């Protein structure tokens, strides 16, 4: 492999890892909890490998002005869950954020009891 091809390959690999989120999913038994899952899907998957520790919810409002100078307010229901999953003999806790019932963010894990 020539020097240029190696540089291109290394650059592509770097971009692949840099652009992919570290927590793209959580392995849970034979399933993976991932963004885009509904609250019901996550609930079912968590039952096989852990538990939901806490649930918090609130409504987020955003107001914006359109090009016609009309003010519009949108509401998004946001739920924050904290789950514990068991993997390879250890417990890991994750914060999950749902917007309008869909998992949008998987936070960084931490070890927990």
PDB file of N, CA and C in Angstrom:
ATOM      1  N   UNK A   1       0.859  -1.175   0.000  1.00  0.00           N
ATOM      2  CA  UNK A   1       0.000   0.000   0.000  1.00  0.00           C
ATOM      3  C   UNK A   1       0.899   1.229   0.000  1.00  0.00           C
ATOM      4  N   UNK A   2       0.613   2.160  -0.903  1.00  0.00           N
ATOM      5  CA  UNK A   2       1.455   3.348  -0.991  1.00  0.00           C
ATOM      6  C   UNK A   2       1.145   4.325   0.154  1.00  0.00           C
ATOM      7  N   UNK A   3       2.028   5.267   0.341  1.00  0.00           N
ATOM      8  CA  UNK A   3       1.944   6.222   1.456  1.00  0.00           C
ATOM      9  C   UNK A   3       0.643   7.039   1.414  1.00  0.00           C
ATOM     10  N   UNK A   4       0.238   7.469   0.248  1.00  0.00           N
ATOM     11  CA  UNK A   4      -0.988   8.270   0.105  1.00  0.00           C
ATOM     12  C   UNK A   4      -2.211   7.450   0.519  1.00  0.00           C
ATOM     13  N   UNK A   5      -2.274   6.193   0.105  1.00  0.00           N
ATOM     14  CA  UNK A   5      -3.403   5.338   0.467  1.00  0.00           C
ATOM     15  C   UNK A   5      -3.472   5.123   1.979  1.00  0.00           C
ATOM     16  N   UNK A   6      -2.323   4.990   2.625  1.00  0.00           N
ATOM     17  CA  UNK A   6      -2.309   4.835   4.082  1.00  0.00           C
ATOM     18  C   UNK A   6      -2.848   6.083   4.772  1.00  0.00           C
ATOM     19  N   UNK A   7      -2.459   7.240   4.286  1.00  0.00           N
ATOM     20  CA  UNK A   7      -2.935   8.505   4.873  1.00  0.00           C
ATOM     21  C   UNK A   7      -4.445   8.628   4.687  1.00  0.00           C
ATOM     22  N   UNK A   8      -4.934   8.287   3.505  1.00  0.00           N
ATOM     23  CA  UNK A   8      -6.377   8.364   3.241  1.00  0.00           C
ATOM     24  C   UNK A   8      -7.132   7.395   4.148  1.00  0.00           C
ATOM     25  N   UNK A   9      -6.620   6.180   4.279  1.00  0.00           N
ATOM     26  CA  UNK A   9      -7.267   5.182   5.135  1.00  0.00           C
ATOM     27  C   UNK A   9      -7.277   5.628   6.596  1.00  0.00           C
ATOM     28  N   UNK A  10      -6.157   6.118   7.092  1.00  0.00           N
ATOM     29  CA  UNK A  10      -6.085   6.588   8.482  1.00  0.00           C
ATOM     30  C   UNK A  10      -7.004   7.792   8.706  1.00  0.00           C
ATOM     31  N   UNK A  11      -7.083   8.686   7.752  1.00  0.00           N
ATOM     32  CA  UNK A  11      -7.980   9.846   7.861  1.00  0.00           C
ATOM     33  C   UNK A  11      -9.429   9.392   7.894  1.00  0.00           C
ATOM     34  N   UNK A  12      -9.784   8.449   7.044  1.00  0.00           N
ATOM     35  CA  UNK A  12     -11.160   7.936   7.024  1.00  0.00           C
ATOM     36  C   UNK A  12     -11.511   7.266   8.346  1.00  0.00           C
ATOM     37  N   UNK A  13     -10.602   6.467   8.894  1.00  0.00           N
ATOM     38  CA  UNK A  13     -10.846   5.817  10.185  1.00  0.00           C
ATOM     39  C   UNK A  13     -10.982   6.841  11.302  1.00  0.00           C
ATOM     40  N   UNK A  14     -10.131   7.866  11.285  1.00  0.00           N
ATOM     41  CA  UNK A  14     -10.220   8.910  12.297  1.00  0.00           C
ATOM     42  C   UNK A  14     -11.580   9.608  12.229  1.00  0.00           C
ATOM     43  N   UNK A  15     -12.015   9.967  11.033  1.00  0.00           N
ATOM     44  CA  UNK A  15     -13.313  10.632  10.879  1.00  0.00           C
ATOM     45  C   UNK A  15     -14.457   9.731  11.315  1.00  0.00           C
ATOM     46  N   UNK A  16     -14.359   8.449  11.021  1.00  0.00           N
ATOM     47  CA  UNK A  16     -15.402   7.505  11.424  1.00  0.00           C
ATOM     48  C   UNK A  16     -15.557   7.496  12.936  1.00  0.00           C
ATOM     49  N   UNK A  17     -14.457   7.393  13.665  1.00  0.00           N
ATOM     50  CA  UNK A  17     -14.519   7.356  15.123  1.00  0.00           C
ATOM     51  C   UNK A  17     -14.827   8.719  15.724  1.00  0.00           C
ATOM     52  N   UNK A  18     -14.391   9.782  15.106  1.00  0.00           N
ATOM     53  CA  UNK A  18     -14.633  11.123  15.639  1.00  0.00           C
ATOM     54  C   UNK A  18     -16.083  11.536  15.477  1.00  0.00           C
ATOM     55  N   UNK A  19     -16.732  11.107  14.403  1.00  0.00           N
ATOM     56  CA  UNK A  19     -18.102  11.531  14.133  1.00  0.00           C
ATOM     57  C   UNK A  19     -19.153  10.622  14.737  1.00  0.00           C
ATOM     58  N   UNK A  20     -18.788   9.403  15.119  1.00  0.00           N
ATOM     59  CA  UNK A  20     -19.750   8.490  15.728  1.00  0.00           C
ATOM     60  C   UNK A  20     -19.784   8.728  17.223  1.00  0.00           C
ATOM     61  N   UNK A  21     -20.986   8.850  17.809  1.00  0.00           N
ATOM     62  CA  UNK A  21     -21.047   9.062  19.246  1.00  0.00           C
ATOM     63  C   UNK A  21     -20.525   7.853  20.009  1.00  0.00           C
ATOM     64  N   UNK A  22     -19.887   8.128  21.158  1.00  0.00           N
ATOM     65  CA  UNK A  22     -19.318   7.051  21.959  1.00  0.00           C
ATOM     66  C   UNK A  22     -20.415   6.150  22.503  1.00  0.00           C
ATOM     67  N   UNK A  23     -21.561   6.720  22.866  1.00  0.00           N
ATOM     68  CA  UNK A  23     -22.657   5.944  23.412  1.00  0.00           C
ATOM     69  C   UNK A  23     -23.776   5.822  22.380  1.00  0.00           C
ATOM     70  N   UNK A  24     -23.474   5.168  21.279  1.00  0.00           N
ATOM     71  CA  UNK A  24     -24.483   5.004  20.243  1.00  0.00           C
ATOM     72  C   UNK A  24     -25.560   4.016  20.673  1.00  0.00           C
ATOM     73  N   UNK A  25     -25.268   3.206  21.674  1.00  0.00           N
ATOM     74  CA  UNK A  25     -26.231   2.234  22.158  1.00  0.00           C
ATOM     75  C   UNK A  25     -25.753   1.572  23.431  1.00  0.00           C
ATOM     76  N   UNK A  26     -26.699   0.926  24.108  1.00  0.00           N
ATOM     77  CA  UNK A  26     -26.389   0.207  25.341  1.00  0.00           C
ATOM     78  C   UNK A  26     -26.786  -1.246  25.127  1.00  0.00           C
ATOM     79  N   UNK A  27     -25.823  -2.150  25.240  1.00  0.00           N
ATOM     80  CA  UNK A  27     -26.133  -3.571  25.092  1.00  0.00           C
ATOM     81  C   UNK A  27     -26.935  -4.008  26.303  1.00  0.00           C
ATOM     82  N   UNK A  28     -28.032  -4.693  26.031  1.00  0.00           N
ATOM     83  CA  UNK A  28     -28.935  -5.135  27.087  1.00  0.00           C
ATOM     84  C   UNK A  28     -29.423  -6.529  26.703  1.00  0.00           C
ATOM     85  N   UNK A  29     -28.751  -7.565  27.220  1.00  0.00           N
ATOM     86  CA  UNK A  29     -29.086  -8.918  26.797  1.00  0.00           C
ATOM     87  C   UNK A  29     -28.798  -9.075  25.322  1.00  0.00           C
ATOM     88  N   UNK A  30     -29.800  -9.525  24.561  1.00  0.00           N
ATOM     89  CA  UNK A  30     -29.642  -9.665  23.113  1.00  0.00           C
ATOM     90  C   UNK A  30     -30.063  -8.421  22.360  1.00  0.00           C
ATOM     91  N   UNK A  31     -30.487  -7.388  23.075  1.00  0.00           N
ATOM     92  CA  UNK A  31     -30.957  -6.150  22.455  1.00  0.00           C
ATOM     93  C   UNK A  31     -29.947  -5.028  22.637  1.00  0.00           C
ATOM     94  N   UNK A  32     -30.172  -3.944  21.911  1.00  0.00           N
ATOM     95  CA  UNK A  32     -29.400  -2.716  22.074  1.00  0.00           C
ATOM     96  C   UNK A  32     -30.380  -1.574  22.222  1.00  0.00           C
ATOM     97  N   UNK A  33     -30.240  -0.828  23.309  1.00  0.00           N
ATOM     98  CA  UNK A  33     -31.027   0.385  23.505  1.00  0.00           C
ATOM     99  C   UNK A  33     -30.322   1.476  22.723  1.00  0.00           C
ATOM    100  N   UNK A  34     -31.036   2.116  21.790  1.00  0.00           N
ATOM    101  CA  UNK A  34     -30.389   3.127  20.960  1.00  0.00           C
ATOM    102  C   UNK A  34     -31.328   4.296  20.703  1.00  0.00           C
ATOM    103  N   UNK A  35     -30.741   5.406  20.297  1.00  0.00           N
ATOM    104  CA  UNK A  35     -31.542   6.583  19.996  1.00  0.00           C
ATOM    105  C   UNK A  35     -32.547   6.221  18.907  1.00  0.00           C
ATOM    106  N   UNK A  36     -33.732   6.808  19.045  1.00  0.00           N
ATOM    107  CA  UNK A  36     -34.821   6.481  18.128  1.00  0.00           C
ATOM    108  C   UNK A  36     -35.806   5.498  18.735  1.00  0.00           C
ATOM    109  N   UNK A  37     -35.383   4.758  19.779  1.00  0.00           N
ATOM    110  CA  UNK A  37     -36.293   3.837  20.469  1.00  0.00           C
ATOM    111  C   UNK A  37     -37.378   4.636  21.188  1.00  0.00           C
ATOM    112  N   UNK A  38     -38.553   4.048  21.306  1.00  0.00           N
ATOM    113  CA  UNK A  38     -39.627   4.666  22.074  1.00  0.00           C
ATOM    114  C   UNK A  38     -39.449   4.322  23.557  1.00  0.00           C
ATOM    115  N   UNK A  39     -40.203   5.023  24.414  1.00  0.00           N
ATOM    116  CA  UNK A  39     -40.131   4.719  25.848  1.00  0.00           C
ATOM    117  C   UNK A  39     -40.558   3.282  26.118  1.00  0.00           C
ATOM    118  N   UNK A  40     -41.568   2.796  25.404  1.00  0.00           N
ATOM    119  CA  UNK A  40     -42.035   1.419  25.600  1.00  0.00           C
ATOM    120  C   UNK A  40     -40.947   0.425  25.193  1.00  0.00           C
ATOM    121  N   UNK A  41     -40.292   0.667  24.062  1.00  0.00           N
ATOM    122  CA  UNK A  41     -39.217  -0.223  23.625  1.00  0.00           C
ATOM    123  C   UNK A  41     -38.086  -0.272  24.655  1.00  0.00           C
ATOM    124  N   UNK A  42     -37.711   0.886  25.193  1.00  0.00           N
ATOM    125  CA  UNK A  42     -36.643   0.927  26.183  1.00  0.00           C
ATOM    126  C   UNK A  42     -37.069   0.187  27.451  1.00  0.00           C
ATOM    127  N   UNK A  43     -38.324   0.390  27.871  1.00  0.00           N
ATOM    128  CA  UNK A  43     -38.834  -0.294  29.063  1.00  0.00           C
ATOM    129  C   UNK A  43     -38.724  -1.809  28.916  1.00  0.00           C
ATOM    130  N   UNK A  44     -39.123  -2.328  27.767  1.00  0.00           N
ATOM    131  CA  UNK A  44     -39.089  -3.772  27.512  1.00  0.00           C
ATOM    132  C   UNK A  44     -37.641  -4.268  27.503  1.00  0.00           C
ATOM    133  N   UNK A  45     -36.751  -3.526  26.851  1.00  0.00           N
ATOM    134  CA  UNK A  45     -35.350  -3.953  26.769  1.00  0.00           C
ATOM    135  C   UNK A  45     -34.675  -3.918  28.134  1.00  0.00           C
ATOM    136  N   UNK A  46     -34.944  -2.891  28.929  1.00  0.00           N
ATOM    137  CA  UNK A  46     -34.308  -2.766  30.244  1.00  0.00           C
ATOM    138  C   UNK A  46     -34.715  -3.908  31.162  1.00  0.00           C
ATOM    139  N   UNK A  47     -35.937  -4.423  31.022  1.00  0.00           N
ATOM    140  CA  UNK A  47     -36.399  -5.516  31.879  1.00  0.00           C
ATOM    141  C   UNK A  47     -35.515  -6.749  31.777  1.00  0.00           C
ATOM    142  N   UNK A  48     -34.818  -6.934  30.650  1.00  0.00           N
ATOM    143  CA  UNK A  48     -33.991  -8.121  30.464  1.00  0.00           C
ATOM    144  C   UNK A  48     -32.607  -8.001  31.102  1.00  0.00           C
ATOM    145  N   UNK A  49     -32.188  -6.773  31.449  1.00  0.00           N
ATOM    146  CA  UNK A  49     -30.812  -6.631  31.929  1.00  0.00           C
ATOM    147  C   UNK A  49     -30.643  -5.635  33.067  1.00  0.00           C
ATOM    148  N   UNK A  50     -31.699  -5.012  33.512  1.00  0.00           N
ATOM    149  CA  UNK A  50     -31.522  -4.010  34.555  1.00  0.00           C
ATOM    150  C   UNK A  50     -32.839  -3.453  35.047  1.00  0.00           C
ATOM    151  N   UNK A  51     -32.813  -2.163  35.388  1.00  0.00           N
ATOM    152  CA  UNK A  51     -34.016  -1.529  35.905  1.00  0.00           C
ATOM    153  C   UNK A  51     -33.971  -0.023  35.686  1.00  0.00           C
ATOM    154  N   UNK A  52     -35.155   0.574  35.724  1.00  0.00           N
ATOM    155  CA  UNK A  52     -35.275   2.024  35.668  1.00  0.00           C
ATOM    156  C   UNK A  52     -35.218   2.514  37.113  1.00  0.00           C
ATOM    157  N   UNK A  53     -34.266   3.391  37.403  1.00  0.00           N
ATOM    158  CA  UNK A  53     -34.088   3.878  38.759  1.00  0.00           C
ATOM    159  C   UNK A  53     -34.951   5.105  39.052  1.00  0.00           C
ATOM    160  N   UNK A  54     -35.109   5.966  38.062  1.00  0.00           N
ATOM    161  CA  UNK A  54     -35.808   7.228  38.285  1.00  0.00           C
ATOM    162  C   UNK A  54     -36.340   7.768  36.961  1.00  0.00           C
ATOM    163  N   UNK A  55     -37.462   8.476  37.048  1.00  0.00           N
ATOM    164  CA  UNK A  55     -38.051   9.132  35.885  1.00  0.00           C
ATOM    165  C   UNK A  55     -38.433  10.558  36.267  1.00  0.00           C
ATOM    166  N   UNK A  56     -38.025  11.514  35.474  1.00  0.00           N
ATOM    167  CA  UNK A  56     -38.415  12.914  35.644  1.00  0.00           C
ATOM    168  C   UNK A  56     -38.970  13.400  34.313  1.00  0.00           C
ATOM    169  N   UNK A  57     -39.949  14.279  34.366  1.00  0.00           N
ATOM    170  CA  UNK A  57     -40.506  14.813  33.129  1.00  0.00           C
ATOM    171  C   UNK A  57     -40.821  16.285  33.255  1.00  0.00           C
ATOM    172  N   UNK A  58     -40.760  16.971  32.137  1.00  0.00           N
ATOM    173  CA  UNK A  58     -41.122  18.382  32.086  1.00  0.00           C
ATOM    174  C   UNK A  58     -41.469  18.741  30.648  1.00  0.00           C
ATOM    175  N   UNK A  59     -42.035  19.926  30.483  1.00  0.00           N
ATOM    176  CA  UNK A  59     -42.378  20.421  29.151  1.00  0.00           C
ATOM    177  C   UNK A  59     -41.444  21.577  28.828  1.00  0.00           C
ATOM    178  N   UNK A  60     -40.810  21.509  27.665  1.00  0.00           N
ATOM    179  CA  UNK A  60     -39.923  22.585  27.212  1.00  0.00           C
ATOM    180  C   UNK A  60     -40.661  23.381  26.141  1.00  0.00           C
ATOM    181  N   UNK A  61     -40.698  24.691  26.326  1.00  0.00           N
ATOM    182  CA  UNK A  61     -41.347  25.555  25.339  1.00  0.00           C
ATOM    183  C   UNK A  61     -40.293  26.334  24.579  1.00  0.00           C
ATOM    184  N   UNK A  62     -40.503  26.452  23.267  1.00  0.00           N
ATOM    185  CA  UNK A  62     -39.643  27.270  22.423  1.00  0.00           C
ATOM    186  C   UNK A  62     -40.530  28.245  21.668  1.00  0.00           C
ATOM    187  N   UNK A  63     -40.140  29.497  21.665  1.00  0.00           N
ATOM    188  CA  UNK A  63     -40.881  30.515  20.931  1.00  0.00           C
ATOM    189  C   UNK A  63     -39.980  31.048  19.830  1.00  0.00           C
ATOM    190  N   UNK A  64     -40.535  31.142  18.643  1.00  0.00           N
ATOM    191  CA  UNK A  64     -39.770  31.703  17.538  1.00  0.00           C
ATOM    192  C   UNK A  64     -40.679  32.586  16.702  1.00  0.00           C
ATOM    193  N   UNK A  65     -40.060  33.477  15.944  1.00  0.00           N
ATOM    194  CA  UNK A  65     -40.796  34.394  15.088  1.00  0.00           C
ATOM    195  C   UNK A  65     -40.565  33.985  13.639  1.00  0.00           C
ATOM    196  N   UNK A  66     -41.653  33.822  12.917  1.00  0.00           N
ATOM    197  CA  UNK A  66     -41.552  33.414  11.511  1.00  0.00           C
ATOM    198  C   UNK A  66     -41.193  34.622  10.650  1.00  0.00           C
ATOM    199  N   UNK A  67     -40.961  34.373   9.396  1.00  0.00           N
ATOM    200  CA  UNK A  67     -40.614  35.451   8.470  1.00  0.00           C
ATOM    201  C   UNK A  67     -41.762  36.448   8.297  1.00  0.00           C
ATOM    202  N   UNK A  68     -42.990  36.017   8.640  1.00  0.00           N
ATOM    203  CA  UNK A  68     -44.153  36.911   8.562  1.00  0.00           C
ATOM    204  C   UNK A  68     -44.376  37.638   9.890  1.00  0.00           C
ATOM    205  N   UNK A  69     -43.392  37.613  10.784  1.00  0.00           N
ATOM    206  CA  UNK A  69     -43.463  38.223  12.107  1.00  0.00           C
ATOM    207  C   UNK A  69     -44.566  37.643  12.977  1.00  0.00           C
ATOM    208  N   UNK A  70     -44.893  36.373  12.776  1.00  0.00           N
ATOM    209  CA  UNK A  70     -45.843  35.679  13.638  1.00  0.00           C
ATOM    210  C   UNK A  70     -45.061  34.917  14.690  1.00  0.00           C
ATOM    211  N   UNK A  71     -45.444  35.129  15.944  1.00  0.00           N
ATOM    212  CA  UNK A  71     -44.770  34.429  17.036  1.00  0.00           C
ATOM    213  C   UNK A  71     -45.444  33.083  17.255  1.00  0.00           C
ATOM    214  N   UNK A  72     -44.653  32.035  17.281  1.00  0.00           N
ATOM    215  CA  UNK A  72     -45.166  30.685  17.465  1.00  0.00           C
ATOM    216  C   UNK A  72     -44.443  30.025  18.624  1.00  0.00           C
ATOM    217  N   UNK A  73     -45.198  29.329  19.457  1.00  0.00           N
ATOM    218  CA  UNK A  73     -44.614  28.605  20.579  1.00  0.00           C
ATOM    219  C   UNK A  73     -44.864  27.118  20.373  1.00  0.00           C
ATOM    220  N   UNK A  74     -43.819  26.340  20.500  1.00  0.00           N
ATOM    221  CA  UNK A  74     -43.955  24.884  20.416  1.00  0.00           C
ATOM    222  C   UNK A  74     -43.621  24.287  21.779  1.00  0.00           C
ATOM    223  N   UNK A  75     -44.242  23.171  22.074  1.00  0.00           N
ATOM    224  CA  UNK A  75     -43.991  22.481  23.326  1.00  0.00           C
ATOM    225  C   UNK A  75     -43.464  21.081  23.032  1.00  0.00           C
ATOM    226  N   UNK A  76     -42.459  20.705  23.776  1.00  0.00           N
ATOM    227  CA  UNK A  76     -41.873  19.376  23.657  1.00  0.00           C
ATOM    228  C   UNK A  76     -41.889  18.737  25.034  1.00  0.00           C
ATOM    229  N   UNK A  77     -42.454  17.527  25.124  1.00  0.00           N
ATOM    230  CA  UNK A  77     -42.430  16.806  26.398  1.00  0.00           C
ATOM    231  C   UNK A  77     -41.094  16.093  26.504  1.00  0.00           C
ATOM    232  N   UNK A  78     -40.358  16.421  27.565  1.00  0.00           N
ATOM    233  CA  UNK A  78     -39.033  15.850  27.779  1.00  0.00           C
ATOM    234  C   UNK A  78     -39.086  14.966  29.020  1.00  0.00           C
ATOM    235  N   UNK A  79     -38.581  13.753  28.895  1.00  0.00           N
ATOM    236  CA  UNK A  79     -38.482  12.826  30.020  1.00  0.00           C
ATOM    237  C   UNK A  79     -37.020  12.453  30.208  1.00  0.00           C
ATOM    238  N   UNK A  80     -36.573  12.494  31.445  1.00  0.00           N
ATOM    239  CA  UNK A  80     -35.209  12.088  31.793  1.00  0.00           C
ATOM    240  C   UNK A  80     -35.316  10.830  32.641  1.00  0.00           C
ATOM    241  N   UNK A  81     -34.723   9.745  32.158  1.00  0.00           N
ATOM    242  CA  UNK A  81     -34.717   8.482  32.904  1.00  0.00           C
ATOM    243  C   UNK A  81     -33.288   8.178  33.313  1.00  0.00           C
ATOM    244  N   UNK A  82     -33.163   7.498  34.442  1.00  0.00           N
ATOM    245  CA  UNK A  82     -31.878   6.977  34.894  1.00  0.00           C
ATOM    246  C   UNK A  82     -32.044   5.471  35.007  1.00  0.00           C
ATOM    247  N   UNK A  83     -31.231   4.739  34.247  1.00  0.00           N
ATOM    248  CA  UNK A  83     -31.348   3.284  34.249  1.00  0.00           C
ATOM    249  C   UNK A  83     -30.053   2.658  34.752  1.00  0.00           C
ATOM    250  N   UNK A  84     -30.192   1.438  35.275  1.00  0.00           N
ATOM    251  CA  UNK A  84     -29.036   0.646  35.693  1.00  0.00           C
ATOM    252  C   UNK A  84     -29.090  -0.648  34.897  1.00  0.00           C
ATOM    253  N   UNK A  85     -27.982  -0.980  34.242  1.00  0.00           N
ATOM    254  CA  UNK A  85     -27.892  -2.244  33.513  1.00  0.00           C
ATOM    255  C   UNK A  85     -26.685  -3.019  34.037  1.00  0.00           C
ATOM    256  N   UNK A  86     -26.824  -4.337  34.013  1.00  0.00           N
ATOM    257  CA  UNK A  86     -25.733  -5.213  34.460  1.00  0.00           C
ATOM    258  C   UNK A  86     -25.045  -5.770  33.222  1.00  0.00           C
ATOM    259  N   UNK A  87     -23.741  -5.597  33.181  1.00  0.00           N
ATOM    260  CA  UNK A  87     -22.972  -6.087  32.041  1.00  0.00           C
ATOM    261  C   UNK A  87     -21.634  -6.616  32.548  1.00  0.00           C
ATOM    262  N   UNK A  88     -21.330  -7.854  32.207  1.00  0.00           N
ATOM    263  CA  UNK A  88     -20.066  -8.496  32.586  1.00  0.00           C
ATOM    264  C   UNK A  88     -19.814  -8.405  34.093  1.00  0.00           C
ATOM    265  N   UNK A  89     -20.868  -8.611  34.891  1.00  0.00           N
ATOM    266  CA  UNK A  89     -20.719  -8.638  36.338  1.00  0.00           C
ATOM    267  C   UNK A  89     -20.688  -7.286  37.027  1.00  0.00           C
ATOM    268  N   UNK A  90     -20.775  -6.190  36.270  1.00  0.00           N
ATOM    269  CA  UNK A  90     -20.761  -4.856  36.869  1.00  0.00           C
ATOM    270  C   UNK A  90     -22.046  -4.115  36.541  1.00  0.00           C
ATOM    271  N   UNK A  91     -22.406  -3.175  37.397  1.00  0.00           N
ATOM    272  CA  UNK A  91     -23.580  -2.334  37.157  1.00  0.00           C
ATOM    273  C   UNK A  91     -23.140  -0.989  36.582  1.00  0.00           C
ATOM    274  N   UNK A  92     -23.852  -0.565  35.553  1.00  0.00           N
ATOM    275  CA  UNK A  92     -23.579   0.715  34.915  1.00  0.00           C
ATOM    276  C   UNK A  92     -24.874   1.521  34.879  1.00  0.00           C
ATOM    277  N   UNK A  93     -24.784   2.803  35.204  1.00  0.00           N
ATOM    278  CA  UNK A  93     -25.948   3.681  35.171  1.00  0.00           C
ATOM    279  C   UNK A  93     -25.816   4.667  34.014  1.00  0.00           C
ATOM    280  N   UNK A  94     -26.935   4.923  33.364  1.00  0.00           N
ATOM    281  CA  UNK A  94     -26.978   5.827  32.219  1.00  0.00           C
ATOM    282  C   UNK A  94     -28.146   6.795  32.373  1.00  0.00           C
ATOM    283  N   UNK A  95     -27.947   8.065  32.027  1.00  0.00           N
ATOM    284  CA  UNK A  95     -29.087   8.968  31.900  1.00  0.00           C
ATOM    285  C   UNK A  95     -29.603   8.899  30.459  1.00  0.00           C
ATOM    286  N   UNK A  96     -30.912   8.799  30.312  1.00  0.00           N
ATOM    287  CA  UNK A  96     -31.539   8.762  28.988  1.00  0.00           C
ATOM    288  C   UNK A  96     -32.478   9.954  28.863  1.00  0.00           C
ATOM    289  N   UNK A  97     -32.476  10.607  27.721  1.00  0.00           N
ATOM    290  CA  UNK A  97     -33.377  11.727  27.477  1.00  0.00           C
ATOM    291  C   UNK A  97     -34.315  11.376  26.329  1.00  0.00           C
ATOM    292  N   UNK A  98     -35.612  11.525  26.594  1.00  0.00           N
ATOM    293  CA  UNK A  98     -36.646  11.290  25.594  1.00  0.00           C
ATOM    294  C   UNK A  98     -37.301  12.625  25.256  1.00  0.00           C
ATOM    295  N   UNK A  99     -37.578  12.845  23.994  1.00  0.00           N
ATOM    296  CA  UNK A  99     -38.339  14.008  23.568  1.00  0.00           C
ATOM    297  C   UNK A  99     -39.550  13.508  22.801  1.00  0.00           C
ATOM    298  N   UNK A 100     -40.730  13.890  23.307  1.00  0.00           N
ATOM    299  CA  UNK A 100     -41.999  13.436  22.733  1.00  0.00           C
ATOM    300  C   UNK A 100     -42.035  11.918  22.573  1.00  0.00           C
ATOM    301  N   UNK A 101     -41.509  11.210  23.583  1.00  0.00           N
ATOM    302  CA  UNK A 101     -41.606   9.755  23.619  1.00  0.00           C
ATOM    303  C   UNK A 101     -40.516   9.001  22.893  1.00  0.00           C
ATOM    304  N   UNK A 102     -39.560   9.706  22.291  1.00  0.00           N
ATOM    305  CA  UNK A 102     -38.490   9.055  21.533  1.00  0.00           C
ATOM    306  C   UNK A 102     -37.142   9.329  22.187  1.00  0.00           C
ATOM    307  N   UNK A 103     -36.321   8.281  22.323  1.00  0.00           N
ATOM    308  CA  UNK A 103     -35.001   8.425  22.923  1.00  0.00           C
ATOM    309  C   UNK A 103     -34.107   9.258  22.009  1.00  0.00           C
ATOM    310  N   UNK A 104     -33.649  10.406  22.533  1.00  0.00           N
ATOM    311  CA  UNK A 104     -32.827  11.303  21.720  1.00  0.00           C
ATOM    312  C   UNK A 104     -31.372  11.342  22.173  1.00  0.00           C
ATOM    313  N   UNK A 105     -31.129  11.066  23.464  1.00  0.00           N
ATOM    314  CA  UNK A 105     -29.760  11.164  23.972  1.00  0.00           C
ATOM    315  C   UNK A 105     -29.494  10.073  25.002  1.00  0.00           C
ATOM    316  N   UNK A 106     -28.348   9.434  24.854  1.00  0.00           N
ATOM    317  CA  UNK A 106     -27.844   8.502  25.855  1.00  0.00           C
ATOM    318  C   UNK A 106     -26.628   9.172  26.471  1.00  0.00           C
ATOM    319  N   UNK A 107     -26.723   9.480  27.764  1.00  0.00           N
ATOM    320  CA  UNK A 107     -25.614  10.152  28.440  1.00  0.00           C
ATOM    321  C   UNK A 107     -24.474   9.207  28.756  1.00  0.00           C
ATOM    322  N   UNK A 108     -23.426   9.773  29.297  1.00  0.00           N
ATOM    323  CA  UNK A 108     -22.253   8.974  29.670  1.00  0.00           C
ATOM    324  C   UNK A 108     -22.565   8.048  30.833  1.00  0.00           C
ATOM    325  N   UNK A 109     -22.050   6.848  30.785  1.00  0.00           N
ATOM    326  CA  UNK A 109     -22.278   5.862  31.836  1.00  0.00           C
ATOM    327  C   UNK A 109     -21.411   6.171  33.045  1.00  0.00           C
ATOM    328  N   UNK A 110     -21.838   5.627  34.158  1.00  0.00           N
ATOM    329  CA  UNK A 110     -21.017   5.647  35.366  1.00  0.00           C
ATOM    330  C   UNK A 110     -21.249   4.322  36.081  1.00  0.00           C
ATOM    331  N   UNK A 111     -20.275   3.891  36.841  1.00  0.00           N
ATOM    332  CA  UNK A 111     -20.463   2.668  37.629  1.00  0.00           C
ATOM    333  C   UNK A 111     -21.385   2.976  38.779  1.00  0.00           C
ATOM    334  N   UNK A 112     -22.250   2.041  39.102  1.00  0.00           N
ATOM    335  CA  UNK A 112     -23.188   2.251  40.195  1.00  0.00           C
ATOM    336  C   UNK A 112     -23.464   0.928  40.896  1.00  0.00           C
ATOM    337  N   UNK A 113     -24.120   0.999  42.039  1.00  0.00           N
ATOM    338  CA  UNK A 113     -24.415  -0.201  42.819  1.00  0.00           C
ATOM    339  C   UNK A 113     -25.688  -0.846  42.364  1.00  0.00           C
TER     340      UNK A 113
END
